[in-house]
Protein backbone atom coordinates (compact mmCIF):
# COMPACT_ATOMS: atom_id res chain seq x y z
CA MET A 1 51.25 108.57 78.07
CA GLN A 2 51.21 106.24 75.14
CA ALA A 3 50.35 108.88 72.50
CA ASN A 4 53.40 110.95 73.49
CA LEU A 5 55.91 108.11 73.13
CA LYS A 6 57.99 107.84 70.03
CA PRO A 7 58.71 104.50 68.35
CA PRO A 8 61.51 102.74 70.25
CA PRO A 9 64.95 103.60 68.87
CA THR A 10 66.46 100.96 66.75
CA TYR A 11 69.53 100.41 68.91
CA HIS A 12 67.22 98.92 71.60
CA LEU A 13 66.90 95.95 69.31
CA PHE A 14 70.61 95.35 70.13
CA VAL A 15 70.15 95.61 73.70
CA LEU A 16 67.10 93.24 73.87
CA TRP A 17 69.03 90.83 71.62
CA GLY A 18 72.02 91.10 74.13
CA PHE A 19 69.93 90.13 77.04
CA ALA A 20 67.74 87.44 75.22
CA VAL A 21 70.22 85.51 73.17
CA ALA A 22 73.84 86.66 73.38
CA GLN A 23 74.35 86.69 77.15
CA PRO A 24 72.68 83.26 77.74
CA VAL A 25 75.06 81.70 75.12
CA PHE A 26 78.17 83.38 76.36
CA ASP A 27 77.30 82.21 79.86
CA LEU A 28 77.04 78.61 78.75
CA LEU A 29 80.22 78.72 76.67
CA GLY A 30 82.19 80.39 79.59
CA ARG A 31 81.00 77.51 81.95
CA TYR A 32 81.74 74.75 79.39
CA PRO A 33 85.00 75.62 77.58
CA ALA A 34 85.26 72.08 76.31
CA PHE A 35 82.61 73.00 73.70
CA LEU A 36 85.26 75.51 72.30
CA SER A 37 87.94 72.84 72.17
CA ALA A 38 85.57 70.23 70.56
CA HIS A 39 84.89 72.84 67.76
CA GLU A 40 88.44 73.79 67.20
CA LEU A 41 87.69 77.39 68.23
CA LYS A 42 90.80 79.40 68.74
CA GLY A 43 91.80 83.04 68.71
CA ALA A 44 90.28 84.54 65.76
CA HIS A 45 87.43 82.07 65.46
CA ILE A 46 86.09 83.03 69.02
CA ALA A 47 86.46 86.75 68.34
CA ILE A 48 84.43 86.43 65.08
CA LEU A 49 81.92 84.22 66.85
CA ALA A 50 81.44 86.76 69.70
CA ALA A 51 81.04 89.62 67.10
CA VAL A 52 78.55 87.67 65.02
CA LEU A 53 76.61 86.63 67.98
CA SER A 54 76.39 90.05 69.70
CA LEU A 55 76.41 92.50 66.76
CA GLY A 56 76.03 90.42 63.44
CA PHE A 57 72.61 88.72 64.08
CA PRO A 58 71.00 91.82 65.40
CA ALA A 59 72.24 93.96 62.77
CA VAL A 60 70.72 91.56 60.12
CA LEU A 61 67.55 91.62 62.07
CA TRP A 62 67.54 95.34 62.21
CA GLY A 63 68.24 95.37 58.36
CA ILE A 64 65.14 93.25 57.80
CA VAL A 65 62.83 95.52 59.81
CA TRP A 66 64.24 98.82 58.32
CA PHE A 67 63.77 97.25 54.76
CA ALA A 68 60.23 96.22 55.41
CA GLY A 69 59.51 99.77 56.73
CA LYS A 70 60.75 101.18 53.45
CA LEU A 71 58.73 98.91 51.43
CA HIS A 72 55.34 99.51 53.56
CA ARG A 73 55.29 101.70 56.61
CA ALA A 74 52.47 99.68 58.25
CA ALA A 75 54.10 96.30 57.60
CA GLY A 76 57.39 97.73 58.80
CA ALA A 77 55.73 98.93 62.11
CA LEU A 78 54.07 95.47 62.46
CA LEU A 79 57.27 93.66 62.06
CA HIS A 80 59.04 96.17 64.42
CA SER A 81 56.53 95.33 67.18
CA VAL A 82 56.75 91.51 66.49
CA VAL A 83 60.53 91.56 66.73
CA PHE A 84 60.63 93.62 70.00
CA THR A 85 57.94 91.72 71.83
CA GLY A 86 59.45 88.46 70.61
CA LEU A 87 62.82 89.26 71.89
CA LEU A 88 61.33 90.19 75.33
CA ALA A 89 59.50 86.83 75.32
CA LEU A 90 62.68 85.09 74.70
CA MET A 91 64.46 87.06 77.49
CA VAL A 92 61.73 86.48 79.96
CA PHE A 93 60.98 82.75 79.38
CA GLY A 94 64.81 81.83 79.23
CA ALA A 95 64.98 83.53 82.79
CA VAL A 96 61.89 81.69 83.93
CA TRP A 97 63.08 78.20 83.03
CA LYS A 98 66.49 78.74 84.39
CA LEU A 99 65.60 80.40 87.71
CA THR A 100 62.51 78.58 88.77
CA SER A 101 61.86 74.98 89.65
CA LEU A 102 58.12 75.13 89.34
CA PRO A 103 56.08 72.62 87.33
CA TRP A 104 56.58 73.62 83.65
CA LEU A 105 53.02 74.61 83.09
CA VAL A 106 52.93 76.91 86.24
CA ALA A 107 56.27 78.37 85.25
CA GLY A 108 54.84 78.94 81.74
CA ILE A 109 51.80 80.95 83.09
CA LEU A 110 54.27 83.03 85.32
CA GLY A 111 56.29 83.56 82.28
CA LEU A 112 53.29 84.95 80.27
CA LEU A 113 52.41 87.34 83.08
CA VAL A 114 55.92 88.62 83.56
CA TRP A 115 56.16 88.89 79.62
CA ALA A 116 52.87 90.91 79.29
CA LEU A 117 54.15 93.28 82.10
CA ALA A 118 57.46 93.65 80.31
CA VAL A 119 55.73 94.50 77.02
CA TRP A 120 53.60 97.01 78.62
CA GLY A 121 56.38 98.58 80.54
CA TYR A 122 58.59 98.99 77.48
CA ALA A 123 55.68 100.02 75.02
CA ALA A 124 53.73 102.26 77.32
CA THR A 125 56.11 103.91 79.70
CA ARG A 126 59.01 106.08 79.48
CA ALA A 127 60.75 104.30 82.33
CA GLY A 128 60.87 101.16 80.25
CA ARG A 129 62.50 102.99 77.42
CA THR A 130 64.99 104.81 79.66
CA LEU A 131 66.00 101.50 81.22
CA ALA A 132 66.68 99.97 77.88
CA THR A 133 68.73 102.98 76.95
CA VAL A 134 70.72 102.91 80.22
CA LEU A 135 71.57 99.21 79.59
CA THR A 136 72.80 99.95 75.96
CA PRO A 137 76.56 99.42 77.08
CA ALA A 138 75.68 95.79 77.69
CA VAL A 139 75.79 95.28 73.99
CA LEU A 140 79.64 95.45 74.29
CA VAL A 141 79.97 94.46 77.90
CA PHE A 142 78.63 90.99 77.36
CA PRO A 143 81.14 89.98 74.59
CA ALA A 144 83.98 91.73 76.35
CA VAL A 145 83.38 89.88 79.63
CA PHE A 146 83.08 86.62 77.67
CA LEU A 147 86.28 87.19 75.63
CA PHE A 148 88.56 88.75 78.42
CA THR A 149 87.94 86.53 81.47
CA GLN A 150 88.99 83.05 82.01
CA PRO A 151 88.75 80.51 80.77
CA VAL A 152 87.98 81.87 77.37
CA SER A 153 90.75 84.55 77.53
CA LYS A 154 93.22 81.64 77.34
CA TYR A 155 91.85 80.54 74.14
CA LEU A 156 91.78 83.99 72.73
CA PHE A 157 95.24 84.98 73.98
CA PRO A 158 97.22 81.72 74.50
CA PRO A 159 100.48 82.07 76.29
CA GLU A 160 103.77 81.32 74.61
CA PRO A 161 104.09 77.52 74.30
CA VAL A 162 106.15 76.02 77.07
CA ARG A 163 108.39 72.98 76.30
CA GLY A 164 109.55 70.74 79.20
CA ALA A 165 112.92 69.69 79.69
CA PRO A 166 114.40 67.73 76.74
CA PRO A 167 113.79 63.88 77.29
CA PRO A 168 116.89 61.81 78.42
CA ALA A 169 119.32 61.05 75.69
CA ALA A 170 118.43 57.76 74.02
CA GLN A 171 120.22 55.61 71.43
CA SER A 172 117.01 55.47 69.40
CA THR A 173 113.73 57.38 69.13
CA PRO A 174 111.24 54.70 68.20
CA PRO A 175 107.66 55.62 67.05
CA ILE A 176 105.05 56.03 69.81
CA VAL A 177 101.62 54.98 69.47
CA MET A 178 99.24 56.02 72.37
CA LEU A 179 95.61 55.34 72.52
CA VAL A 180 93.06 56.59 75.11
CA PHE A 181 89.79 54.75 74.93
CA ASP A 182 86.96 56.74 76.66
CA GLU A 183 84.98 54.83 79.11
CA LEU A 184 86.58 51.59 78.88
CA PRO A 185 87.30 50.29 82.43
CA THR A 186 89.51 47.55 83.05
CA SER A 187 86.75 45.39 84.55
CA ALA A 188 85.02 45.35 81.18
CA LEU A 189 87.90 43.53 79.69
CA THR A 190 88.69 40.84 82.29
CA ASP A 191 87.22 37.39 82.71
CA GLY A 192 86.23 38.35 86.35
CA GLY A 193 89.65 37.75 87.46
CA PRO A 194 93.12 39.22 87.05
CA THR A 195 93.37 38.38 83.31
CA ILE A 196 91.89 39.72 79.99
CA ASP A 197 89.10 37.66 78.65
CA ALA A 198 90.92 36.38 75.57
CA GLU A 199 87.80 35.06 73.98
CA ARG A 200 85.99 38.29 73.90
CA PHE A 201 89.10 40.45 73.54
CA PRO A 202 91.74 38.44 71.89
CA ASN A 203 93.70 41.55 70.64
CA PHE A 204 93.87 42.98 74.05
CA ALA A 205 94.84 39.66 75.56
CA ARG A 206 97.84 39.37 73.10
CA LEU A 207 98.92 43.02 73.81
CA ALA A 208 98.83 42.19 77.50
CA GLU A 209 100.96 39.08 77.19
CA ARG A 210 103.69 41.05 75.35
CA SER A 211 103.48 44.20 77.47
CA TYR A 212 103.82 45.75 80.93
CA TRP A 213 100.19 45.96 82.10
CA PHE A 214 99.48 48.15 84.99
CA ARG A 215 96.17 46.44 86.22
CA ASN A 216 95.39 48.97 88.90
CA ALA A 217 95.61 52.12 86.72
CA THR A 218 92.65 54.34 86.84
CA ALA A 219 91.68 57.80 85.77
CA VAL A 220 91.56 60.48 88.52
CA GLU A 221 88.59 62.39 87.12
CA THR A 222 85.00 61.44 85.99
CA ARG A 223 84.80 64.03 83.21
CA THR A 224 86.73 63.53 79.91
CA GLU A 225 87.80 67.33 79.61
CA GLN A 226 89.35 66.85 83.13
CA ALA A 227 90.62 63.29 82.92
CA LEU A 228 92.54 63.75 79.66
CA PRO A 229 94.71 66.57 81.04
CA ALA A 230 95.68 64.56 84.08
CA ILE A 231 96.61 61.68 81.81
CA LEU A 232 98.88 63.83 79.65
CA THR A 233 100.46 65.92 82.33
CA GLY A 234 100.74 63.51 85.33
CA ARG A 235 99.10 66.24 87.47
CA TYR A 236 95.89 66.43 89.55
CA ARG A 237 93.63 69.26 88.90
CA ASN A 238 93.71 72.21 91.25
CA PRO A 239 90.44 71.68 93.46
CA GLY A 240 88.05 74.51 93.09
CA ARG A 241 89.04 75.41 89.59
CA VAL A 242 88.06 73.92 86.29
CA PRO A 243 90.20 75.07 83.57
CA GLY A 244 89.67 74.55 79.95
CA PRO A 245 91.32 71.43 78.37
CA THR A 246 93.78 73.46 76.34
CA ALA A 247 97.66 73.71 75.92
CA SER A 248 97.53 77.21 77.41
CA GLU A 249 95.93 75.90 80.53
CA PHE A 250 98.26 72.77 80.62
CA PRO A 251 101.47 73.88 78.86
CA ARG A 252 103.69 71.18 80.25
CA ASN A 253 102.32 67.94 78.87
CA LEU A 254 103.28 64.91 76.72
CA PHE A 255 103.13 66.88 73.46
CA THR A 256 105.27 69.79 74.59
CA LEU A 257 107.64 67.54 76.15
CA LEU A 258 108.20 65.55 72.99
CA SER A 259 107.50 68.19 70.29
CA GLY A 260 111.22 69.12 69.95
CA THR A 261 112.15 65.65 68.94
CA TYR A 262 108.93 63.91 67.64
CA ARG A 263 106.51 64.92 65.00
CA MET A 264 102.92 64.78 66.09
CA ARG A 265 99.95 63.06 64.64
CA VAL A 266 97.30 63.91 67.16
CA SER A 267 93.64 63.36 67.17
CA GLU A 268 91.81 65.10 70.13
CA PRO A 269 88.02 65.40 69.44
CA ILE A 270 87.31 66.86 72.96
CA THR A 271 90.49 68.59 74.21
CA ASP A 272 93.16 70.89 72.82
CA LEU A 273 96.19 70.09 74.57
CA CYS A 274 98.64 69.86 71.74
CA PRO A 275 99.81 73.37 70.87
CA GLU A 276 99.47 74.66 67.34
CA THR A 277 103.21 74.91 66.98
CA ALA A 278 103.39 71.13 67.15
CA CYS A 279 99.92 70.30 65.76
CA ALA A 280 98.88 72.57 63.07
CA GLN A 281 96.50 70.14 61.36
CA SER A 282 92.80 70.81 61.60
CA LEU A 283 90.04 68.25 61.61
CA HIS A 284 87.40 70.26 59.97
CA GLY A 285 89.05 72.55 57.51
CA THR A 286 88.10 75.96 56.64
CA LEU A 287 87.26 78.98 58.94
CA TRP A 288 83.68 78.96 57.41
CA GLU A 289 83.18 75.36 58.11
CA THR A 290 84.56 75.69 61.79
CA LEU A 291 82.17 78.57 62.38
CA ARG A 292 79.20 77.13 60.57
CA ARG A 293 79.58 73.87 62.72
CA ALA A 294 79.88 75.84 66.01
CA LEU A 295 76.94 78.31 65.14
CA ALA A 296 74.63 75.11 64.30
CA ASP A 297 75.57 73.69 67.69
CA MET A 298 75.00 76.92 69.58
CA ARG A 299 71.59 77.39 68.12
CA THR A 300 70.76 73.80 69.35
CA VAL A 301 72.05 74.84 72.93
CA TYR A 302 70.20 78.06 72.82
CA LEU A 303 66.90 76.23 71.91
CA HIS A 304 67.30 74.05 74.96
CA THR A 305 67.54 77.16 77.24
CA ILE A 306 64.25 78.60 75.94
CA ALA A 307 62.01 75.77 75.12
CA PRO A 308 59.49 74.44 77.62
CA PRO A 309 60.62 71.11 79.13
CA PRO A 310 58.29 68.89 76.89
CA TRP A 311 59.38 70.53 73.90
CA ARG A 312 63.14 69.78 74.61
CA ALA A 313 62.67 66.13 73.90
CA LYS A 314 62.07 66.88 70.33
CA LEU A 315 65.37 68.73 70.03
CA PRO A 316 68.68 66.97 69.34
CA PRO A 317 70.39 66.01 72.80
CA ILE A 318 73.14 68.27 74.11
CA ASN A 319 74.24 66.14 76.87
CA GLN A 320 75.49 63.08 74.93
CA ALA A 321 78.43 64.82 73.07
CA TRP A 322 80.35 68.14 72.95
CA ALA A 323 79.78 68.80 69.14
CA ASP A 324 77.59 67.92 66.22
CA PHE A 325 74.47 67.75 68.33
CA GLY A 326 72.28 67.38 65.20
CA LEU A 327 73.87 64.13 64.43
CA LEU A 328 72.51 62.65 67.53
CA LYS A 329 68.84 62.57 66.17
CA ILE A 330 68.46 59.12 64.92
CA ASP A 331 67.11 60.24 61.41
CA HIS A 332 70.39 62.42 60.94
CA ARG A 333 72.90 60.06 62.46
CA ALA A 334 72.14 57.16 59.93
CA ALA A 335 73.07 59.44 56.89
CA GLU A 336 76.04 61.22 58.59
CA ILE A 337 77.77 58.55 60.80
CA ASP A 338 80.40 57.85 58.16
CA ASN A 339 81.34 61.55 57.71
CA TYR A 340 81.56 62.62 61.39
CA GLY A 341 81.27 59.50 63.48
CA ARG A 342 83.69 57.81 65.81
CA HIS A 343 84.23 54.96 63.44
CA ARG A 344 85.78 57.10 60.83
CA GLN A 345 88.16 58.81 63.36
CA ALA A 346 89.47 55.27 64.15
CA ARG A 347 89.91 54.35 60.51
CA GLU A 348 91.76 57.51 59.59
CA PHE A 349 94.04 57.36 62.55
CA ILE A 350 94.97 53.60 61.83
CA GLU A 351 95.65 54.68 58.20
CA SER A 352 97.96 57.52 59.33
CA ILE A 353 100.38 55.14 61.15
CA GLN A 354 103.15 54.69 58.53
CA ALA A 355 106.86 54.05 58.51
CA SER A 356 108.70 57.35 58.71
CA PRO A 357 112.37 58.33 58.71
CA GLU A 358 111.73 60.72 61.77
CA PRO A 359 110.44 59.81 65.03
CA VAL A 360 106.58 60.31 65.18
CA LEU A 361 104.14 60.41 68.19
CA TYR A 362 100.76 58.91 67.19
CA PHE A 363 98.03 59.95 69.74
CA MET A 364 94.32 59.34 69.47
CA HIS A 365 91.76 59.98 72.18
CA SER A 366 88.86 57.71 70.84
CA ASN A 367 85.35 58.33 72.00
CA LEU A 368 84.81 54.62 71.68
CA PRO A 369 83.31 52.83 73.48
CA HIS A 370 81.84 55.88 75.29
CA LEU A 371 78.00 56.20 75.39
CA PRO A 372 75.87 56.30 73.40
CA TYR A 373 76.51 52.70 72.63
CA GLU A 374 75.80 52.28 68.82
CA TYR A 375 77.86 49.36 67.50
CA PHE A 376 77.46 45.73 67.34
CA PRO A 377 80.71 43.62 67.86
CA SER A 378 80.83 43.34 64.01
CA GLY A 379 80.98 47.21 63.76
CA THR A 380 77.52 47.43 62.35
CA LEU A 381 75.69 50.57 63.59
CA TYR A 382 72.56 50.40 65.50
CA PHE A 383 70.63 53.14 67.30
CA ARG A 384 70.40 53.34 71.01
CA HIS A 385 71.06 56.49 72.87
CA ALA A 386 72.08 56.41 76.64
CA LEU A 387 72.82 59.66 78.68
CA ILE A 388 76.23 61.01 79.12
CA ARG A 389 77.25 64.31 80.51
CA GLY A 390 77.91 67.16 78.06
CA ILE A 391 76.27 70.66 78.44
CA ASP A 392 73.96 71.03 81.43
CA LYS A 393 71.83 74.21 81.27
């Protein structure tokens, strides 16, 4: 039977890539839309990313195999076999780690057996080739399902921005500064009683003396991507549904309420609640830089899905942040903290607050003092990594 089988058609490479790589990544991004917001991915960005992931990368891989075959037939055939069996291995082991709760060594042996069976079935039987051919539409179905179902569809096709009722007429429109400190419970600021510890937090204490302080205020959600929309809309989340933290999902919020009167200076590292019509500025610049940053983090996320559990500890953690996972490794973070770190965000926001002839809303959601804790009181950086929830496989 093997002697009568022709080499597998090249379009099967796209099918295997779709099941081994594209679909697992699309599944994770669809379940964790905060990843898209944290990388400032909108509309065209997401469509390009889906096309590159599902068609661009396998096309490059196919081109390499084709070119190798033109240079040397035997080398091309060998590379062809390596690529196809490698994609089958990625598909099998990714499914084994996800679907079984066996000890990793036992699961690994099971994966090897299933992989060997899959290679034999594809290489030596017509049924295996026929199955791959029948599954060819999945190459387009996977990105289509990802793009055109919620919550991603609202990133791709955001509805028209909605503005709330105009604020009540006022004699003046003073500048507004709003800061949201992530994971800063009131109990951490107090002296054990009802007042702020002035020795440890003198600035907060002075602010409390001159302000209205609502001591019993608390967030209504435990996760950042759900708590911020509640704060900025004044609404509870619909139970049973986890929408993306975007302006299209929450069109009536503080920013849309004031956008007709106030100019916006907004820093949202996790959410995307200020619509583009009011907040056109980008934190990370060009289309290429945005896509490069997202693809680098998607690679890290994917490696976590296919690596055996003992190897994952050597990868950058993906459950301590929503973006820039590579910077969470100690050797990288020391060099890059000033370029991408939370310290810089705070400095830039403070420097942006200036006198203006027009009313301005200054808003910053700060990831300080959120875990991982990494600063001494003096602001000096140290390296200590504690667990927070980000992407869970």
